[in-house]
Amino acid sequence: MAIKTLSGHITFQQKGLNSNTKEAFSKYVRVIIEYFEEDRLDPTYGIGDKVVVDKDVLYAVNEAAEANCKASKTPLIKIMSVEPLTINGFPTLYFSYKRKGWEGQPPVIVNVYRIFNRYESVTLTFSYREAERGQWGSINENIIKYFTFTKKY
């Protein structure tokens, strides 16, 4: 199944979460899919080789996690993992972090996969309450297990 959007951004979450409906907070999971086409004039154009985690990548990951936490007004607790992966033949930068829950809710784990395909990339972000890891972990694993691009460059 191929999904296309004009904005390149899809969010899946429980009904009522954005409107702050009390019932929506009994469980928490959010899946965000963002699609990016590479700018062929950009000096990093054509990234598709194995991801190397160095100090620049670690700095960028920390900055991204802090910016995401600031945007949602949920302070960063700690970076948990940063590592290169290969998902279905595609080089991937994976990182995860823990942040405080929104408005006093329990802590949340955020797993981010940046998957590269030379001319395009996708960022898959999975977030769920730390206490609900067992309930949502299999969904996270299945999405990663079956993820692919329409074309492999």
N, C-alpha and C. Protein backbone atom coordinates (compact mmCIF):
# COMPACT_ATOMS: atom_id res chain seq x y z
N MET A 1 0.84 -1.18 0.00
CA MET A 1 0.00 0.00 0.00
C MET A 1 0.88 1.24 0.00
N ALA A 2 0.63 2.17 -0.87
CA ALA A 2 1.38 3.42 -0.92
C ALA A 2 0.47 4.55 -0.44
N ILE A 3 1.02 5.39 0.38
CA ILE A 3 0.27 6.54 0.90
C ILE A 3 0.97 7.80 0.45
N LYS A 4 0.24 8.72 -0.18
CA LYS A 4 0.82 9.99 -0.61
C LYS A 4 0.00 11.12 -0.01
N THR A 5 0.68 12.18 0.37
CA THR A 5 -0.01 13.37 0.86
C THR A 5 0.62 14.58 0.20
N LEU A 6 -0.11 15.67 0.14
CA LEU A 6 0.46 16.89 -0.40
C LEU A 6 1.49 17.48 0.55
N SER A 7 1.29 17.34 1.83
CA SER A 7 2.20 17.93 2.81
C SER A 7 3.38 17.03 3.13
N GLY A 8 3.29 15.74 2.81
CA GLY A 8 4.37 14.82 3.14
C GLY A 8 4.41 14.46 4.61
N HIS A 9 3.30 14.66 5.32
CA HIS A 9 3.26 14.46 6.76
C HIS A 9 1.94 13.80 7.14
N ILE A 10 2.02 12.68 7.86
CA ILE A 10 0.83 11.99 8.32
C ILE A 10 1.01 11.72 9.82
N THR A 11 -0.05 11.94 10.60
CA THR A 11 -0.01 11.63 12.03
C THR A 11 -1.17 10.71 12.36
N PHE A 12 -0.85 9.62 13.08
CA PHE A 12 -1.86 8.70 13.60
C PHE A 12 -1.83 8.81 15.12
N GLN A 13 -2.99 9.02 15.72
CA GLN A 13 -3.08 9.11 17.18
C GLN A 13 -4.52 8.87 17.59
N GLN A 14 -4.73 8.70 18.89
CA GLN A 14 -6.08 8.44 19.35
C GLN A 14 -6.95 9.69 19.21
N LYS A 15 -8.23 9.44 18.96
CA LYS A 15 -9.21 10.50 18.81
C LYS A 15 -9.27 11.34 20.09
N GLY A 16 -9.33 12.64 19.92
CA GLY A 16 -9.47 13.55 21.05
C GLY A 16 -8.17 14.07 21.63
N LEU A 17 -7.03 13.58 21.16
CA LEU A 17 -5.76 14.00 21.74
C LEU A 17 -5.47 15.48 21.48
N ASN A 18 -5.68 15.93 20.26
CA ASN A 18 -5.42 17.34 19.94
C ASN A 18 -6.39 18.29 20.64
N SER A 19 -7.61 17.84 20.85
CA SER A 19 -8.61 18.71 21.48
C SER A 19 -8.58 18.60 23.00
N ASN A 20 -7.59 17.85 23.53
CA ASN A 20 -7.40 17.73 24.97
C ASN A 20 -8.59 17.09 25.67
N THR A 21 -9.24 16.13 24.98
CA THR A 21 -10.36 15.40 25.57
C THR A 21 -9.82 14.44 26.63
N LYS A 22 -10.39 14.49 27.83
CA LYS A 22 -9.88 13.71 28.95
C LYS A 22 -9.77 12.22 28.63
N GLU A 23 -10.77 11.66 27.96
CA GLU A 23 -10.78 10.23 27.64
C GLU A 23 -9.60 9.83 26.75
N ALA A 24 -9.13 10.77 25.94
CA ALA A 24 -8.02 10.47 25.02
C ALA A 24 -6.72 10.17 25.76
N PHE A 25 -6.62 10.60 27.00
CA PHE A 25 -5.37 10.44 27.75
C PHE A 25 -5.30 9.15 28.56
N SER A 26 -6.33 8.28 28.43
CA SER A 26 -6.26 7.02 29.17
C SER A 26 -5.12 6.14 28.65
N LYS A 27 -4.82 6.23 27.36
CA LYS A 27 -3.68 5.58 26.73
C LYS A 27 -3.04 6.61 25.82
N TYR A 28 -1.76 6.40 25.48
CA TYR A 28 -1.12 7.37 24.59
C TYR A 28 -0.19 6.67 23.61
N VAL A 29 -0.43 6.91 22.35
CA VAL A 29 0.49 6.48 21.28
C VAL A 29 0.32 7.46 20.13
N ARG A 30 1.43 7.76 19.48
CA ARG A 30 1.39 8.64 18.31
C ARG A 30 2.42 8.12 17.32
N VAL A 31 2.02 8.05 16.05
CA VAL A 31 2.92 7.66 14.96
C VAL A 31 2.92 8.81 13.95
N ILE A 32 4.09 9.35 13.67
CA ILE A 32 4.21 10.45 12.70
C ILE A 32 5.11 9.96 11.57
N ILE A 33 4.64 10.15 10.34
CA ILE A 33 5.41 9.79 9.16
C ILE A 33 5.64 11.07 8.36
N GLU A 34 6.92 11.38 8.11
CA GLU A 34 7.27 12.57 7.34
C GLU A 34 8.13 12.16 6.16
N TYR A 35 7.77 12.62 4.98
CA TYR A 35 8.49 12.30 3.75
C TYR A 35 9.26 13.52 3.27
N PHE A 36 10.51 13.30 2.84
CA PHE A 36 11.36 14.38 2.35
C PHE A 36 12.00 13.96 1.03
N GLU A 37 12.01 14.87 0.06
CA GLU A 37 12.79 14.66 -1.15
C GLU A 37 14.09 15.43 -0.98
N GLU A 38 15.19 14.82 -1.41
CA GLU A 38 16.49 15.46 -1.27
C GLU A 38 16.61 16.63 -2.24
N ASP A 39 17.22 17.70 -1.81
CA ASP A 39 17.52 18.84 -2.66
C ASP A 39 18.81 18.49 -3.41
N ARG A 40 18.72 18.30 -4.71
CA ARG A 40 19.88 17.85 -5.48
C ARG A 40 21.00 18.88 -5.53
N LEU A 41 20.74 20.12 -5.13
CA LEU A 41 21.79 21.14 -5.08
C LEU A 41 22.47 21.20 -3.71
N ASP A 42 21.87 20.54 -2.74
CA ASP A 42 22.43 20.52 -1.39
C ASP A 42 23.69 19.66 -1.37
N PRO A 43 24.73 20.10 -0.65
CA PRO A 43 25.97 19.31 -0.61
C PRO A 43 25.79 17.92 -0.01
N THR A 44 24.75 17.69 0.77
CA THR A 44 24.52 16.36 1.34
C THR A 44 23.63 15.51 0.44
N TYR A 45 23.30 16.04 -0.75
CA TYR A 45 22.45 15.32 -1.69
C TYR A 45 23.02 13.94 -1.97
N GLY A 46 22.13 12.98 -2.09
CA GLY A 46 22.56 11.63 -2.42
C GLY A 46 22.91 10.80 -1.23
N ILE A 47 22.56 11.24 -0.02
CA ILE A 47 22.86 10.43 1.15
C ILE A 47 22.11 9.12 0.99
N GLY A 48 22.77 8.05 1.17
CA GLY A 48 22.16 6.75 0.98
C GLY A 48 23.15 5.68 1.39
N ASP A 49 24.32 6.14 1.79
CA ASP A 49 25.33 5.23 2.28
C ASP A 49 25.06 4.95 3.74
N LYS A 50 25.75 3.97 4.28
CA LYS A 50 25.59 3.63 5.69
C LYS A 50 25.76 4.88 6.56
N VAL A 51 24.91 5.03 7.54
CA VAL A 51 24.95 6.18 8.45
C VAL A 51 26.09 5.98 9.44
N VAL A 52 26.86 7.03 9.62
CA VAL A 52 27.95 7.01 10.59
C VAL A 52 27.58 7.95 11.72
N VAL A 53 27.60 7.46 12.94
CA VAL A 53 27.28 8.29 14.10
C VAL A 53 28.58 8.87 14.63
N ASP A 54 28.72 10.18 14.47
CA ASP A 54 29.90 10.88 14.97
C ASP A 54 29.42 12.03 15.86
N LYS A 55 30.35 12.89 16.29
CA LYS A 55 29.96 13.95 17.22
C LYS A 55 28.96 14.93 16.58
N ASP A 56 29.05 15.15 15.26
CA ASP A 56 28.09 16.04 14.60
C ASP A 56 26.69 15.45 14.61
N VAL A 57 26.58 14.15 14.39
CA VAL A 57 25.28 13.47 14.42
C VAL A 57 24.73 13.49 15.84
N LEU A 58 25.58 13.21 16.82
CA LEU A 58 25.13 13.24 18.22
C LEU A 58 24.62 14.63 18.60
N TYR A 59 25.31 15.66 18.16
CA TYR A 59 24.88 17.03 18.43
C TYR A 59 23.54 17.31 17.76
N ALA A 60 23.39 16.89 16.48
CA ALA A 60 22.14 17.12 15.75
C ALA A 60 20.97 16.38 16.39
N VAL A 61 21.22 15.16 16.85
CA VAL A 61 20.17 14.39 17.52
C VAL A 61 19.73 15.09 18.80
N ASN A 62 20.68 15.55 19.59
CA ASN A 62 20.36 16.25 20.83
C ASN A 62 19.56 17.52 20.53
N GLU A 63 19.98 18.27 19.52
CA GLU A 63 19.26 19.49 19.14
C GLU A 63 17.83 19.17 18.68
N ALA A 64 17.67 18.10 17.88
CA ALA A 64 16.34 17.72 17.40
C ALA A 64 15.44 17.31 18.54
N ALA A 65 15.97 16.51 19.47
CA ALA A 65 15.16 16.07 20.62
C ALA A 65 14.75 17.26 21.48
N GLU A 66 15.69 18.17 21.74
CA GLU A 66 15.36 19.35 22.54
C GLU A 66 14.32 20.23 21.84
N ALA A 67 14.45 20.40 20.52
CA ALA A 67 13.49 21.22 19.77
C ALA A 67 12.10 20.58 19.78
N ASN A 68 12.02 19.26 19.62
CA ASN A 68 10.72 18.58 19.66
C ASN A 68 10.08 18.71 21.04
N CYS A 69 10.89 18.58 22.08
CA CYS A 69 10.37 18.71 23.44
C CYS A 69 9.90 20.14 23.73
N LYS A 70 10.66 21.10 23.24
CA LYS A 70 10.29 22.50 23.44
C LYS A 70 8.98 22.81 22.73
N ALA A 71 8.82 22.29 21.51
CA ALA A 71 7.59 22.53 20.74
C ALA A 71 6.37 21.96 21.44
N SER A 72 6.53 20.82 22.10
CA SER A 72 5.39 20.20 22.79
C SER A 72 5.31 20.57 24.26
N LYS A 73 6.23 21.41 24.71
CA LYS A 73 6.27 21.87 26.11
C LYS A 73 6.36 20.69 27.08
N THR A 74 7.19 19.71 26.71
CA THR A 74 7.43 18.53 27.53
C THR A 74 8.95 18.36 27.64
N PRO A 75 9.55 18.74 28.75
CA PRO A 75 11.01 18.73 28.88
C PRO A 75 11.66 17.38 28.61
N LEU A 76 12.81 17.45 27.97
CA LEU A 76 13.62 16.27 27.69
C LEU A 76 14.17 15.72 29.01
N ILE A 77 14.04 14.42 29.20
CA ILE A 77 14.61 13.77 30.39
C ILE A 77 16.00 13.26 30.05
N LYS A 78 16.11 12.47 28.94
CA LYS A 78 17.44 12.02 28.53
C LYS A 78 17.38 11.38 27.15
N ILE A 79 18.53 11.45 26.44
CA ILE A 79 18.71 10.70 25.20
C ILE A 79 19.00 9.27 25.62
N MET A 80 18.31 8.31 25.01
CA MET A 80 18.47 6.92 25.42
C MET A 80 19.37 6.13 24.47
N SER A 81 19.29 6.41 23.17
CA SER A 81 20.05 5.63 22.20
C SER A 81 20.24 6.42 20.92
N VAL A 82 21.40 6.25 20.29
CA VAL A 82 21.67 6.78 18.96
C VAL A 82 22.49 5.73 18.25
N GLU A 83 21.99 5.22 17.12
CA GLU A 83 22.75 4.19 16.42
C GLU A 83 22.36 4.10 14.95
N PRO A 84 23.31 3.67 14.13
CA PRO A 84 22.99 3.42 12.73
C PRO A 84 22.34 2.04 12.59
N LEU A 85 21.34 1.93 11.73
CA LEU A 85 20.67 0.67 11.47
C LEU A 85 20.53 0.50 9.96
N THR A 86 20.14 -0.67 9.57
CA THR A 86 19.70 -0.92 8.20
C THR A 86 18.31 -1.53 8.32
N ILE A 87 17.32 -0.89 7.69
CA ILE A 87 15.95 -1.37 7.73
C ILE A 87 15.56 -1.75 6.31
N ASN A 88 15.35 -3.04 6.09
CA ASN A 88 14.96 -3.56 4.78
C ASN A 88 15.89 -3.08 3.66
N GLY A 89 17.18 -3.01 3.96
CA GLY A 89 18.19 -2.62 2.98
C GLY A 89 18.44 -1.13 2.91
N PHE A 90 17.72 -0.33 3.68
CA PHE A 90 17.87 1.12 3.64
C PHE A 90 18.67 1.60 4.86
N PRO A 91 19.70 2.45 4.65
CA PRO A 91 20.45 2.99 5.79
C PRO A 91 19.55 3.88 6.64
N THR A 92 19.70 3.76 7.94
CA THR A 92 18.80 4.43 8.88
C THR A 92 19.57 5.00 10.06
N LEU A 93 19.20 6.20 10.47
CA LEU A 93 19.68 6.75 11.74
C LEU A 93 18.53 6.57 12.72
N TYR A 94 18.79 5.84 13.80
CA TYR A 94 17.80 5.61 14.84
C TYR A 94 18.25 6.33 16.10
N PHE A 95 17.30 7.03 16.74
CA PHE A 95 17.57 7.55 18.08
C PHE A 95 16.30 7.52 18.89
N SER A 96 16.47 7.43 20.19
CA SER A 96 15.32 7.45 21.08
C SER A 96 15.65 8.33 22.28
N TYR A 97 14.60 8.87 22.84
CA TYR A 97 14.76 9.70 24.04
C TYR A 97 13.51 9.60 24.90
N LYS A 98 13.68 9.99 26.15
CA LYS A 98 12.57 10.02 27.09
C LYS A 98 12.28 11.48 27.41
N ARG A 99 10.99 11.80 27.42
CA ARG A 99 10.57 13.15 27.78
C ARG A 99 9.47 13.07 28.82
N LYS A 100 9.23 14.17 29.50
CA LYS A 100 8.13 14.21 30.45
C LYS A 100 6.82 14.13 29.68
N GLY A 101 5.80 13.62 30.33
CA GLY A 101 4.47 13.57 29.72
C GLY A 101 3.84 14.96 29.71
N TRP A 102 2.86 15.12 28.85
CA TRP A 102 2.20 16.41 28.72
C TRP A 102 1.27 16.64 29.89
N GLU A 103 1.32 17.82 30.48
CA GLU A 103 0.46 18.24 31.59
C GLU A 103 0.37 17.20 32.70
N GLY A 104 1.53 16.74 33.18
CA GLY A 104 1.57 15.84 34.33
C GLY A 104 1.35 14.38 34.01
N GLN A 105 1.20 14.03 32.75
CA GLN A 105 1.05 12.62 32.36
C GLN A 105 2.39 11.91 32.57
N PRO A 106 2.41 10.57 32.62
CA PRO A 106 3.66 9.81 32.82
C PRO A 106 4.67 10.05 31.68
N PRO A 107 5.96 9.73 31.92
CA PRO A 107 7.00 9.92 30.91
C PRO A 107 6.71 9.17 29.61
N VAL A 108 7.23 9.72 28.52
CA VAL A 108 7.00 9.20 27.19
C VAL A 108 8.33 8.81 26.54
N ILE A 109 8.34 7.68 25.85
CA ILE A 109 9.48 7.25 25.06
C ILE A 109 9.21 7.66 23.62
N VAL A 110 10.21 8.24 22.97
CA VAL A 110 10.10 8.64 21.58
C VAL A 110 11.18 7.92 20.79
N ASN A 111 10.78 7.15 19.78
CA ASN A 111 11.70 6.44 18.89
C ASN A 111 11.62 7.10 17.52
N VAL A 112 12.78 7.51 16.98
CA VAL A 112 12.82 8.19 15.70
C VAL A 112 13.72 7.39 14.75
N TYR A 113 13.18 7.10 13.57
CA TYR A 113 13.93 6.39 12.53
C TYR A 113 13.99 7.30 11.32
N ARG A 114 15.19 7.72 10.92
CA ARG A 114 15.37 8.51 9.68
C ARG A 114 15.93 7.54 8.65
N ILE A 115 15.09 7.17 7.68
CA ILE A 115 15.43 6.14 6.70
C ILE A 115 15.74 6.81 5.36
N PHE A 116 16.91 6.48 4.80
CA PHE A 116 17.40 7.15 3.59
C PHE A 116 17.30 6.23 2.37
N ASN A 117 16.96 6.83 1.23
CA ASN A 117 16.89 6.13 -0.04
C ASN A 117 17.49 7.00 -1.14
N ARG A 118 18.69 7.43 -0.97
CA ARG A 118 19.46 8.27 -1.88
C ARG A 118 18.76 9.56 -2.27
N TYR A 119 17.62 9.50 -2.92
CA TYR A 119 16.94 10.70 -3.40
C TYR A 119 15.80 11.15 -2.51
N GLU A 120 15.55 10.40 -1.47
CA GLU A 120 14.42 10.70 -0.59
C GLU A 120 14.70 10.11 0.79
N SER A 121 13.94 10.56 1.76
CA SER A 121 14.04 9.98 3.09
C SER A 121 12.69 10.09 3.79
N VAL A 122 12.54 9.25 4.79
CA VAL A 122 11.32 9.25 5.59
C VAL A 122 11.74 9.26 7.05
N THR A 123 11.07 10.06 7.85
CA THR A 123 11.26 10.03 9.28
C THR A 123 10.01 9.43 9.90
N LEU A 124 10.20 8.31 10.61
CA LEU A 124 9.11 7.66 11.33
C LEU A 124 9.33 7.93 12.81
N THR A 125 8.36 8.52 13.47
CA THR A 125 8.46 8.83 14.89
C THR A 125 7.34 8.10 15.63
N PHE A 126 7.73 7.31 16.61
CA PHE A 126 6.78 6.56 17.44
C PHE A 126 6.93 7.07 18.87
N SER A 127 5.84 7.49 19.46
CA SER A 127 5.91 7.90 20.86
C SER A 127 4.78 7.23 21.64
N TYR A 128 5.12 6.83 22.85
CA TYR A 128 4.17 6.16 23.72
C TYR A 128 4.65 6.30 25.16
N ARG A 129 3.73 6.14 26.09
CA ARG A 129 4.11 6.20 27.50
C ARG A 129 5.06 5.05 27.83
N GLU A 130 6.04 5.35 28.63
CA GLU A 130 7.01 4.33 29.04
C GLU A 130 6.31 3.12 29.65
N ALA A 131 5.29 3.36 30.46
CA ALA A 131 4.56 2.28 31.12
C ALA A 131 3.74 1.43 30.15
N GLU A 132 3.51 1.91 28.93
CA GLU A 132 2.71 1.20 27.94
C GLU A 132 3.57 0.58 26.83
N ARG A 133 4.87 0.51 27.06
CA ARG A 133 5.80 -0.01 26.05
C ARG A 133 5.35 -1.38 25.53
N GLY A 134 4.96 -2.28 26.40
CA GLY A 134 4.54 -3.62 26.00
C GLY A 134 3.34 -3.61 25.07
N GLN A 135 2.44 -2.67 25.30
CA GLN A 135 1.22 -2.60 24.49
C GLN A 135 1.49 -2.09 23.08
N TRP A 136 2.40 -1.11 22.94
CA TRP A 136 2.61 -0.45 21.65
C TRP A 136 3.87 -0.92 20.92
N GLY A 137 4.75 -1.63 21.61
CA GLY A 137 6.02 -2.05 21.01
C GLY A 137 5.86 -2.88 19.75
N SER A 138 4.88 -3.78 19.72
CA SER A 138 4.70 -4.63 18.54
C SER A 138 4.26 -3.82 17.32
N ILE A 139 3.49 -2.76 17.53
CA ILE A 139 3.09 -1.90 16.41
C ILE A 139 4.33 -1.22 15.84
N ASN A 140 5.16 -0.70 16.71
CA ASN A 140 6.42 -0.07 16.31
C ASN A 140 7.25 -1.06 15.48
N GLU A 141 7.43 -2.27 15.99
CA GLU A 141 8.22 -3.29 15.31
C GLU A 141 7.63 -3.67 13.95
N ASN A 142 6.31 -3.82 13.85
CA ASN A 142 5.68 -4.19 12.60
C ASN A 142 5.80 -3.12 11.53
N ILE A 143 5.67 -1.87 11.91
CA ILE A 143 5.82 -0.79 10.94
C ILE A 143 7.24 -0.79 10.39
N ILE A 144 8.22 -0.94 11.24
CA ILE A 144 9.61 -0.99 10.80
C ILE A 144 9.86 -2.24 9.95
N LYS A 145 9.33 -3.36 10.37
CA LYS A 145 9.55 -4.63 9.67
C LYS A 145 9.06 -4.57 8.22
N TYR A 146 7.95 -3.89 7.98
CA TYR A 146 7.36 -3.88 6.65
C TYR A 146 7.58 -2.59 5.88
N PHE A 147 8.32 -1.65 6.44
CA PHE A 147 8.55 -0.38 5.75
C PHE A 147 9.39 -0.58 4.50
N THR A 148 9.01 0.10 3.43
CA THR A 148 9.83 0.13 2.21
C THR A 148 9.50 1.38 1.42
N PHE A 149 10.35 1.72 0.50
CA PHE A 149 10.09 2.80 -0.45
C PHE A 149 9.52 2.16 -1.72
N THR A 150 8.75 2.92 -2.49
CA THR A 150 8.19 2.42 -3.73
C THR A 150 9.30 2.01 -4.70
N LYS A 151 10.35 2.82 -4.76
CA LYS A 151 11.50 2.57 -5.62
C LYS A 151 12.76 2.55 -4.78
N LYS A 152 13.68 1.66 -5.07
CA LYS A 152 14.97 1.66 -4.38
C LYS A 152 16.03 2.17 -5.35
N TYR A 153 16.73 3.24 -4.96
CA TYR A 153 17.75 3.83 -5.83
C TYR A 153 19.10 3.23 -5.57
